[in-house]
PDB file of N, CA and C in Angstrom:
ATOM      1  N   MET A   1      69.723 101.198 104.551  1.00  0.00           N
ATOM      2  CA  MET A   1      70.670 100.390 103.830  1.00  0.00           C
ATOM      3  C   MET A   1      71.931 100.225 104.669  1.00  0.00           C
ATOM      4  N   THR A   2      72.435  99.008 104.751  1.00  0.00           N
ATOM      5  CA  THR A   2      73.619  98.753 105.551  1.00  0.00           C
ATOM      6  C   THR A   2      74.858  98.745 104.676  1.00  0.00           C
ATOM      7  N   ASP A   3      75.966  99.110 105.271  1.00  0.00           N
ATOM      8  CA  ASP A   3      77.237  99.109 104.572  1.00  0.00           C
ATOM      9  C   ASP A   3      77.819  97.708 104.662  1.00  0.00           C
ATOM     10  N   GLN A   4      77.943  97.025 103.531  1.00  0.00           N
ATOM     11  CA  GLN A   4      78.435  95.654 103.525  1.00  0.00           C
ATOM     12  C   GLN A   4      79.795  95.595 102.842  1.00  0.00           C
ATOM     13  N   ARG A   5      80.753  96.278 103.367  1.00  0.00           N
ATOM     14  CA  ARG A   5      82.092  96.284 102.786  1.00  0.00           C
ATOM     15  C   ARG A   5      82.764  94.948 103.020  1.00  0.00           C
ATOM     16  N   ASP A   6      83.444  94.504 102.003  1.00  0.00           N
ATOM     17  CA  ASP A   6      84.222  93.278 102.076  1.00  0.00           C
ATOM     18  C   ASP A   6      85.620  93.658 102.548  1.00  0.00           C
ATOM     19  N   PRO A   7      86.092  93.119 103.670  1.00  0.00           N
ATOM     20  CA  PRO A   7      87.425  93.480 104.148  1.00  0.00           C
ATOM     21  C   PRO A   7      88.525  93.087 103.158  1.00  0.00           C
ATOM     22  N   ASN A   8      88.240  92.124 102.276  1.00  0.00           N
ATOM     23  CA  ASN A   8      89.213  91.711 101.267  1.00  0.00           C
ATOM     24  C   ASN A   8      89.212  92.638 100.055  1.00  0.00           C
ATOM     25  N   ASP A   9      88.217  93.499  99.976  1.00  0.00           N
ATOM     26  CA  ASP A   9      88.078  94.448  98.864  1.00  0.00           C
ATOM     27  C   ASP A   9      87.532  95.759  99.434  1.00  0.00           C
ATOM     28  N   PRO A  10      88.354  96.444 100.273  1.00  0.00           N
ATOM     29  CA  PRO A  10      87.842  97.580 101.044  1.00  0.00           C
ATOM     30  C   PRO A  10      87.230  98.712 100.223  1.00  0.00           C
ATOM     31  N   LYS A  11      87.741  98.951  99.027  1.00  0.00           N
ATOM     32  CA  LYS A  11      87.191 100.023  98.187  1.00  0.00           C
ATOM     33  C   LYS A  11      86.184  99.497  97.169  1.00  0.00           C
ATOM     34  N   GLY A  12      85.964  98.196  97.140  1.00  0.00           N
ATOM     35  CA  GLY A  12      85.040  97.612  96.170  1.00  0.00           C
ATOM     36  C   GLY A  12      85.607  97.580  94.754  1.00  0.00           C
ATOM     37  N   LEU A  13      86.915  97.700  94.618  1.00  0.00           N
ATOM     38  CA  LEU A  13      87.539  97.769  93.297  1.00  0.00           C
ATOM     39  C   LEU A  13      87.388  96.472  92.509  1.00  0.00           C
ATOM     40  N   ILE A  14      87.595  95.351  93.174  1.00  0.00           N
ATOM     41  CA  ILE A  14      87.485  94.062  92.480  1.00  0.00           C
ATOM     42  C   ILE A  14      86.037  93.817  92.085  1.00  0.00           C
ATOM     43  N   ARG A  15      85.128  94.079  93.001  1.00  0.00           N
ATOM     44  CA  ARG A  15      83.693  93.915  92.707  1.00  0.00           C
ATOM     45  C   ARG A  15      83.306  94.735  91.479  1.00  0.00           C
ATOM     46  N   GLU A  16      83.727  95.979  91.455  1.00  0.00           N
ATOM     47  CA  GLU A  16      83.368  96.860  90.343  1.00  0.00           C
ATOM     48  C   GLU A  16      84.013  96.431  89.027  1.00  0.00           C
ATOM     49  N   SER A  17      85.198  95.847  89.098  1.00  0.00           N
ATOM     50  CA  SER A  17      85.858  95.410  87.862  1.00  0.00           C
ATOM     51  C   SER A  17      85.030  94.348  87.140  1.00  0.00           C
ATOM     52  N   TYR A  18      84.311  93.545  87.892  1.00  0.00           N
ATOM     53  CA  TYR A  18      83.473  92.512  87.284  1.00  0.00           C
ATOM     54  C   TYR A  18      82.202  93.095  86.669  1.00  0.00           C
ATOM     55  N   ARG A  19      81.914  94.321  86.978  1.00  0.00           N
ATOM     56  CA  ARG A  19      80.716  94.977  86.430  1.00  0.00           C
ATOM     57  C   ARG A  19      81.007  95.794  85.178  1.00  0.00           C
ATOM     58  N   ILE A  20      82.274  95.932  84.818  1.00  0.00           N
ATOM     59  CA  ILE A  20      82.660  96.739  83.651  1.00  0.00           C
ATOM     60  C   ILE A  20      82.659  95.853  82.415  1.00  0.00           C
ATOM     61  N   ASP A  21      81.825  96.193  81.453  1.00  0.00           N
ATOM     62  CA  ASP A  21      81.782  95.448  80.191  1.00  0.00           C
ATOM     63  C   ASP A  21      83.085  95.624  79.436  1.00  0.00           C
ATOM     64  N   ARG A  22      83.559  94.538  78.885  1.00  0.00           N
ATOM     65  CA  ARG A  22      84.756  94.536  78.023  1.00  0.00           C
ATOM     66  C   ARG A  22      85.975  95.182  78.679  1.00  0.00           C
ATOM     67  N   ILE A  23      86.165  94.924  79.948  1.00  0.00           N
ATOM     68  CA  ILE A  23      87.334  95.459  80.645  1.00  0.00           C
ATOM     69  C   ILE A  23      88.590  94.784  80.083  1.00  0.00           C
ATOM     70  N   SER A  24      89.648  95.551  79.928  1.00  0.00           N
ATOM     71  CA  SER A  24      90.878  95.026  79.336  1.00  0.00           C
ATOM     72  C   SER A  24      91.809  94.465  80.415  1.00  0.00           C
ATOM     73  N   ASP A  25      92.795  93.697  79.969  1.00  0.00           N
ATOM     74  CA  ASP A  25      93.810  93.184  80.885  1.00  0.00           C
ATOM     75  C   ASP A  25      94.560  94.333  81.554  1.00  0.00           C
ATOM     76  N   ALA A  26      94.892  95.353  80.776  1.00  0.00           N
ATOM     77  CA  ALA A  26      95.627  96.501  81.319  1.00  0.00           C
ATOM     78  C   ALA A  26      94.808  97.226  82.390  1.00  0.00           C
ATOM     79  N   GLU A  27      93.520  97.377  82.158  1.00  0.00           N
ATOM     80  CA  GLU A  27      92.661  98.024  83.158  1.00  0.00           C
ATOM     81  C   GLU A  27      92.601  97.182  84.426  1.00  0.00           C
ATOM     82  N   CYS A  28      92.528  95.867  84.261  1.00  0.00           N
ATOM     83  CA  CYS A  28      92.501  94.983  85.432  1.00  0.00           C
ATOM     84  C   CYS A  28      93.800  95.071  86.220  1.00  0.00           C
ATOM     85  N   ARG A  29      94.933  95.138  85.532  1.00  0.00           N
ATOM     86  CA  ARG A  29      96.220  95.271  86.227  1.00  0.00           C
ATOM     87  C   ARG A  29      96.265  96.566  87.038  1.00  0.00           C
ATOM     88  N   SER A  30      95.777  97.641  86.466  1.00  0.00           N
ATOM     89  CA  SER A  30      95.761  98.922  87.164  1.00  0.00           C
ATOM     90  C   SER A  30      94.851  98.857  88.395  1.00  0.00           C
ATOM     91  N   ILE A  31      93.699  98.260  88.227  1.00  0.00           N
ATOM     92  CA  ILE A  31      92.758  98.115  89.349  1.00  0.00           C
ATOM     93  C   ILE A  31      93.363  97.239  90.440  1.00  0.00           C
ATOM     94  N   LEU A  32      94.006  96.141  90.037  1.00  0.00           N
ATOM     95  CA  LEU A  32      94.590  95.230  91.024  1.00  0.00           C
ATOM     96  C   LEU A  32      95.718  95.911  91.799  1.00  0.00           C
ATOM     97  N   MET A  33      96.492  96.751  91.147  1.00  0.00           N
ATOM     98  CA  MET A  33      97.554  97.485  91.840  1.00  0.00           C
ATOM     99  C   MET A  33      96.952  98.439  92.875  1.00  0.00           C
ATOM    100  N   ASP A  34      95.917  99.167  92.498  1.00  0.00           N
ATOM    101  CA  ASP A  34      95.245 100.069  93.433  1.00  0.00           C
ATOM    102  C   ASP A  34      94.651  99.272  94.587  1.00  0.00           C
ATOM    103  N   TRP A  35      94.062  98.115  94.268  1.00  0.00           N
ATOM    104  CA  TRP A  35      93.482  97.244  95.303  1.00  0.00           C
ATOM    105  C   TRP A  35      94.553  96.825  96.300  1.00  0.00           C
ATOM    106  N   ALA A  36      95.715  96.375  95.791  1.00  0.00           N
ATOM    107  CA  ALA A  36      96.788  95.897  96.670  1.00  0.00           C
ATOM    108  C   ALA A  36      97.274  97.002  97.598  1.00  0.00           C
ATOM    109  N   LEU A  37      97.330  98.220  97.092  1.00  0.00           N
ATOM    110  CA  LEU A  37      97.780  99.339  97.915  1.00  0.00           C
ATOM    111  C   LEU A  37      96.760  99.742  98.971  1.00  0.00           C
ATOM    112  N   SER A  38      95.516  99.322  98.811  1.00  0.00           N
ATOM    113  CA  SER A  38      94.470  99.717  99.759  1.00  0.00           C
ATOM    114  C   SER A  38      94.150  98.634 100.789  1.00  0.00           C
ATOM    115  N   LEU A  39      94.891  97.528 100.773  1.00  0.00           N
ATOM    116  CA  LEU A  39      94.622  96.466 101.750  1.00  0.00           C
ATOM    117  C   LEU A  39      94.930  96.949 103.157  1.00  0.00           C
ATOM    118  N   PRO A  40      94.078  96.585 104.116  1.00  0.00           N
ATOM    119  CA  PRO A  40      94.336  96.996 105.501  1.00  0.00           C
ATOM    120  C   PRO A  40      95.528  96.240 106.089  1.00  0.00           C
ATOM    121  N   ASP A  41      96.160  96.835 107.085  1.00  0.00           N
ATOM    122  CA  ASP A  41      97.259  96.176 107.791  1.00  0.00           C
ATOM    123  C   ASP A  41      96.771  94.855 108.359  1.00  0.00           C
ATOM    124  N   GLY A  42      97.627  93.866 108.308  1.00  0.00           N
ATOM    125  CA  GLY A  42      97.299  92.566 108.872  1.00  0.00           C
ATOM    126  C   GLY A  42      96.667  91.599 107.885  1.00  0.00           C
ATOM    127  N   LEU A  43      96.287  92.082 106.728  1.00  0.00           N
ATOM    128  CA  LEU A  43      95.689  91.220 105.715  1.00  0.00           C
ATOM    129  C   LEU A  43      96.689  91.044 104.589  1.00  0.00           C
ATOM    130  N   THR A  44      97.105  89.807 104.360  1.00  0.00           N
ATOM    131  CA  THR A  44      98.089  89.572 103.307  1.00  0.00           C
ATOM    132  C   THR A  44      97.381  89.500 101.960  1.00  0.00           C
ATOM    133  N   PRO A  45      98.070  89.882 100.901  1.00  0.00           N
ATOM    134  CA  PRO A  45      97.472  89.769  99.570  1.00  0.00           C
ATOM    135  C   PRO A  45      97.028  88.339  99.244  1.00  0.00           C
ATOM    136  N   GLY A  46      97.795  87.365  99.691  1.00  0.00           N
ATOM    137  CA  GLY A  46      97.433  85.972  99.433  1.00  0.00           C
ATOM    138  C   GLY A  46      96.107  85.587 100.067  1.00  0.00           C
ATOM    139  N   GLN A  47      95.904  85.997 101.312  1.00  0.00           N
ATOM    140  CA  GLN A  47      94.633  85.709 102.003  1.00  0.00           C
ATOM    141  C   GLN A  47      93.473  86.364 101.266  1.00  0.00           C
ATOM    142  N   ALA A  48      93.663  87.620 100.927  1.00  0.00           N
ATOM    143  CA  ALA A  48      92.593  88.371 100.271  1.00  0.00           C
ATOM    144  C   ALA A  48      92.307  87.830  98.875  1.00  0.00           C
ATOM    145  N   LEU A  49      93.349  87.526  98.105  1.00  0.00           N
ATOM    146  CA  LEU A  49      93.140  86.983  96.760  1.00  0.00           C
ATOM    147  C   LEU A  49      92.409  85.651  96.811  1.00  0.00           C
ATOM    148  N   SER A  50      92.766  84.805  97.766  1.00  0.00           N
ATOM    149  CA  SER A  50      92.071  83.514  97.905  1.00  0.00           C
ATOM    150  C   SER A  50      90.589  83.716  98.168  1.00  0.00           C
ATOM    151  N   ALA A  51      90.270  84.625  99.066  1.00  0.00           N
ATOM    152  CA  ALA A  51      88.867  84.891  99.388  1.00  0.00           C
ATOM    153  C   ALA A  51      88.127  85.480  98.189  1.00  0.00           C
ATOM    154  N   LEU A  52      88.774  86.379  97.468  1.00  0.00           N
ATOM    155  CA  LEU A  52      88.128  86.990  96.310  1.00  0.00           C
ATOM    156  C   LEU A  52      87.955  85.989  95.176  1.00  0.00           C
ATOM    157  N   LEU A  53      88.904  85.083  95.015  1.00  0.00           N
ATOM    158  CA  LEU A  53      88.740  84.038  93.997  1.00  0.00           C
ATOM    159  C   LEU A  53      87.603  83.092  94.362  1.00  0.00           C
ATOM    160  N   ASP A  54      87.429  82.826  95.648  1.00  0.00           N
ATOM    161  CA  ASP A  54      86.276  82.017  96.071  1.00  0.00           C
ATOM    162  C   ASP A  54      84.971  82.700  95.682  1.00  0.00           C
ATOM    163  N   ARG A  55      84.950  84.014  95.794  1.00  0.00           N
ATOM    164  CA  ARG A  55      83.743  84.772  95.496  1.00  0.00           C
ATOM    165  C   ARG A  55      83.514  84.944  93.996  1.00  0.00           C
ATOM    166  N   TYR A  56      84.564  85.289  93.250  1.00  0.00           N
ATOM    167  CA  TYR A  56      84.400  85.659  91.842  1.00  0.00           C
ATOM    168  C   TYR A  56      84.993  84.661  90.852  1.00  0.00           C
ATOM    169  N   GLY A  57      85.678  83.649  91.333  1.00  0.00           N
ATOM    170  CA  GLY A  57      86.404  82.728  90.466  1.00  0.00           C
ATOM    171  C   GLY A  57      85.569  81.937  89.485  1.00  0.00           C
ATOM    172  N   ALA A  58      84.269  81.888  89.696  1.00  0.00           N
ATOM    173  CA  ALA A  58      83.402  81.160  88.762  1.00  0.00           C
ATOM    174  C   ALA A  58      83.416  81.814  87.379  1.00  0.00           C
ATOM    175  N   GLU A  59      83.755  83.097  87.327  1.00  0.00           N
ATOM    176  CA  GLU A  59      83.842  83.806  86.049  1.00  0.00           C
ATOM    177  C   GLU A  59      85.262  83.636  85.499  1.00  0.00           C
ATOM    178  N   ALA A  60      85.571  82.390  85.115  1.00  0.00           N
ATOM    179  CA  ALA A  60      86.932  82.017  84.732  1.00  0.00           C
ATOM    180  C   ALA A  60      87.442  82.768  83.514  1.00  0.00           C
ATOM    181  N   ASP A  61      86.564  83.195  82.613  1.00  0.00           N
ATOM    182  CA  ASP A  61      87.003  83.883  81.404  1.00  0.00           C
ATOM    183  C   ASP A  61      87.238  85.377  81.619  1.00  0.00           C
ATOM    184  N   HIS A  62      86.960  85.868  82.802  1.00  0.00           N
ATOM    185  CA  HIS A  62      87.129  87.295  83.074  1.00  0.00           C
ATOM    186  C   HIS A  62      88.611  87.604  83.269  1.00  0.00           C
ATOM    187  N   PRO A  63      89.107  88.705  82.705  1.00  0.00           N
ATOM    188  CA  PRO A  63      90.530  89.032  82.864  1.00  0.00           C
ATOM    189  C   PRO A  63      90.953  89.226  84.319  1.00  0.00           C
ATOM    190  N   MET A  64      90.066  89.709  85.176  1.00  0.00           N
ATOM    191  CA  MET A  64      90.435  89.894  86.583  1.00  0.00           C
ATOM    192  C   MET A  64      90.638  88.541  87.261  1.00  0.00           C
ATOM    193  N   THR A  65      89.817  87.562  86.927  1.00  0.00           N
ATOM    194  CA  THR A  65      89.976  86.233  87.511  1.00  0.00           C
ATOM    195  C   THR A  65      91.335  85.662  87.119  1.00  0.00           C
ATOM    196  N   ARG A  66      91.674  85.760  85.845  1.00  0.00           N
ATOM    197  CA  ARG A  66      92.971  85.245  85.387  1.00  0.00           C
ATOM    198  C   ARG A  66      94.117  85.964  86.089  1.00  0.00           C
ATOM    199  N   LEU A  67      94.007  87.268  86.224  1.00  0.00           N
ATOM    200  CA  LEU A  67      95.051  88.057  86.865  1.00  0.00           C
ATOM    201  C   LEU A  67      95.190  87.704  88.351  1.00  0.00           C
ATOM    202  N   MET A  68      94.080  87.537  89.044  1.00  0.00           N
ATOM    203  CA  MET A  68      94.147  87.166  90.462  1.00  0.00           C
ATOM    204  C   MET A  68      94.751  85.781  90.633  1.00  0.00           C
ATOM    205  N   ARG A  69      94.403  84.846  89.762  1.00  0.00           N
ATOM    206  CA  ARG A  69      95.000  83.497  89.841  1.00  0.00           C
ATOM    207  C   ARG A  69      96.504  83.561  89.617  1.00  0.00           C
ATOM    208  N   ASP A  70      96.919  84.328  88.616  1.00  0.00           N
ATOM    209  CA  ASP A  70      98.349  84.488  88.359  1.00  0.00           C
ATOM    210  C   ASP A  70      99.039  85.125  89.561  1.00  0.00           C
ATOM    211  N   GLY A  71      98.401  86.132  90.139  1.00  0.00           N
ATOM    212  CA  GLY A  71      98.973  86.807  91.297  1.00  0.00           C
ATOM    213  C   GLY A  71      99.105  85.896  92.494  1.00  0.00           C
ATOM    214  N   LEU A  72      98.125  85.052  92.700  1.00  0.00           N
ATOM    215  CA  LEU A  72      98.163  84.130  93.833  1.00  0.00           C
ATOM    216  C   LEU A  72      99.294  83.119  93.666  1.00  0.00           C
ATOM    217  N   GLN A  73      99.544  82.703  92.454  1.00  0.00           N
ATOM    218  CA  GLN A  73     100.618  81.731  92.204  1.00  0.00           C
ATOM    219  C   GLN A  73     102.000  82.360  92.302  1.00  0.00           C
ATOM    220  N   SER A  74     102.094  83.659  92.096  1.00  0.00           N
ATOM    221  CA  SER A  74     103.418  84.298  92.076  1.00  0.00           C
ATOM    222  C   SER A  74     103.794  84.955  93.404  1.00  0.00           C
ATOM    223  N   ILE A  75     102.952  84.840  94.414  1.00  0.00           N
ATOM    224  CA  ILE A  75     103.287  85.416  95.723  1.00  0.00           C
ATOM    225  C   ILE A  75     104.412  84.588  96.330  1.00  0.00           C
ATOM    226  N   PRO A  76     105.531  85.241  96.688  1.00  0.00           N
ATOM    227  CA  PRO A  76     106.659  84.482  97.244  1.00  0.00           C
ATOM    228  C   PRO A  76     106.309  83.903  98.608  1.00  0.00           C
ATOM    229  N   THR A  77     106.824  82.733  98.853  1.00  0.00           N
ATOM    230  CA  THR A  77     106.627  82.110 100.159  1.00  0.00           C
ATOM    231  C   THR A  77     107.784  82.509 101.061  1.00  0.00           C
ATOM    232  N   ALA A  78     107.503  82.618 102.331  1.00  0.00           N
ATOM    233  CA  ALA A  78     108.545  82.985 103.287  1.00  0.00           C
ATOM    234  C   ALA A  78     109.528  81.839 103.418  1.00  0.00           C
ATOM    235  N   GLY A  79     110.747  82.177 103.531  1.00  0.00           N
ATOM    236  CA  GLY A  79     111.767  81.154 103.679  1.00  0.00           C
ATOM    237  C   GLY A  79     113.063  81.786 104.136  1.00  0.00           C
ATOM    238  N   ARG A  80     114.051  80.966 104.304  1.00  0.00           N
ATOM    239  CA  ARG A  80     115.354  81.449 104.742  1.00  0.00           C
ATOM    240  C   ARG A  80     115.999  82.257 103.630  1.00  0.00           C
ATOM    241  N   ARG A  81     116.530  83.395 104.016  1.00  0.00           N
ATOM    242  CA  ARG A  81     117.272  84.217 103.066  1.00  0.00           C
ATOM    243  C   ARG A  81     118.685  83.678 102.969  1.00  0.00           C
ATOM    244  N   GLY A  82     119.223  83.650 101.796  1.00  0.00           N
ATOM    245  CA  GLY A  82     120.586  83.158 101.591  1.00  0.00           C
ATOM    246  C   GLY A  82     121.615  84.248 101.770  1.00  0.00           C
ATOM    247  N   GLY A  83     122.868  83.845 101.656  1.00  0.00           N
ATOM    248  CA  GLY A  83     123.959  84.801 101.728  1.00  0.00           C
ATOM    249  C   GLY A  83     124.135  85.415 103.099  1.00  0.00           C
ATOM    250  N   ARG A  84     124.731  86.597 103.111  1.00  0.00           N
ATOM    251  CA  ARG A  84     125.025  87.280 104.366  1.00  0.00           C
ATOM    252  C   ARG A  84     123.772  87.572 105.187  1.00  0.00           C
ATOM    253  N   ALA A  85     122.676  87.951 104.506  1.00  0.00           N
ATOM    254  CA  ALA A  85     121.436  88.287 105.215  1.00  0.00           C
ATOM    255  C   ALA A  85     120.901  87.092 105.985  1.00  0.00           C
ATOM    256  N   GLY A  86     121.141  85.886 105.494  1.00  0.00           N
ATOM    257  CA  GLY A  86     120.659  84.695 106.184  1.00  0.00           C
ATOM    258  C   GLY A  86     121.488  84.325 107.387  1.00  0.00           C
ATOM    259  N   ARG A  87     122.741  84.737 107.425  1.00  0.00           N
ATOM    260  CA  ARG A  87     123.639  84.394 108.527  1.00  0.00           C
ATOM    261  C   ARG A  87     123.701  85.470 109.588  1.00  0.00           C
ATOM    262  N   ARG A  88     123.259  86.660 109.249  1.00  0.00           N
ATOM    263  CA  ARG A  88     123.367  87.810 110.149  1.00  0.00           C
ATOM    264  C   ARG A  88     122.396  87.654 111.311  1.00  0.00           C
ATOM    265  N   PRO A  89     122.819  87.870 112.551  1.00  0.00           N
ATOM    266  CA  PRO A  89     121.883  87.801 113.683  1.00  0.00           C
ATOM    267  C   PRO A  89     120.868  88.939 113.608  1.00  0.00           C
ATOM    268  N   HIS A  90     119.669  88.672 114.019  1.00  0.00           N
ATOM    269  CA  HIS A  90     118.591  89.664 113.947  1.00  0.00           C
ATOM    270  C   HIS A  90     118.541  90.429 115.186  1.00  0.00           C
TER     271      HIS A  90
END
């Protein structure tokens, strides 16, 4: 048997959440937080969430799908910082 780990879900947390019957929104939030903390360096949450939504997004009524979509929409975009931090030389 080969190890087929998904780099976007290194611990398999998202995959397993879809296998839990009647999983609650609160359980999904807890799982998603653990998932975010386990992402490898160099992989942004936005990249990983997009890939996972491509894989699992067909299950639109699942609480994890809704949570991942909300998370993807709320990720801040990089931009100029205002105030003193924006004017300060780096």
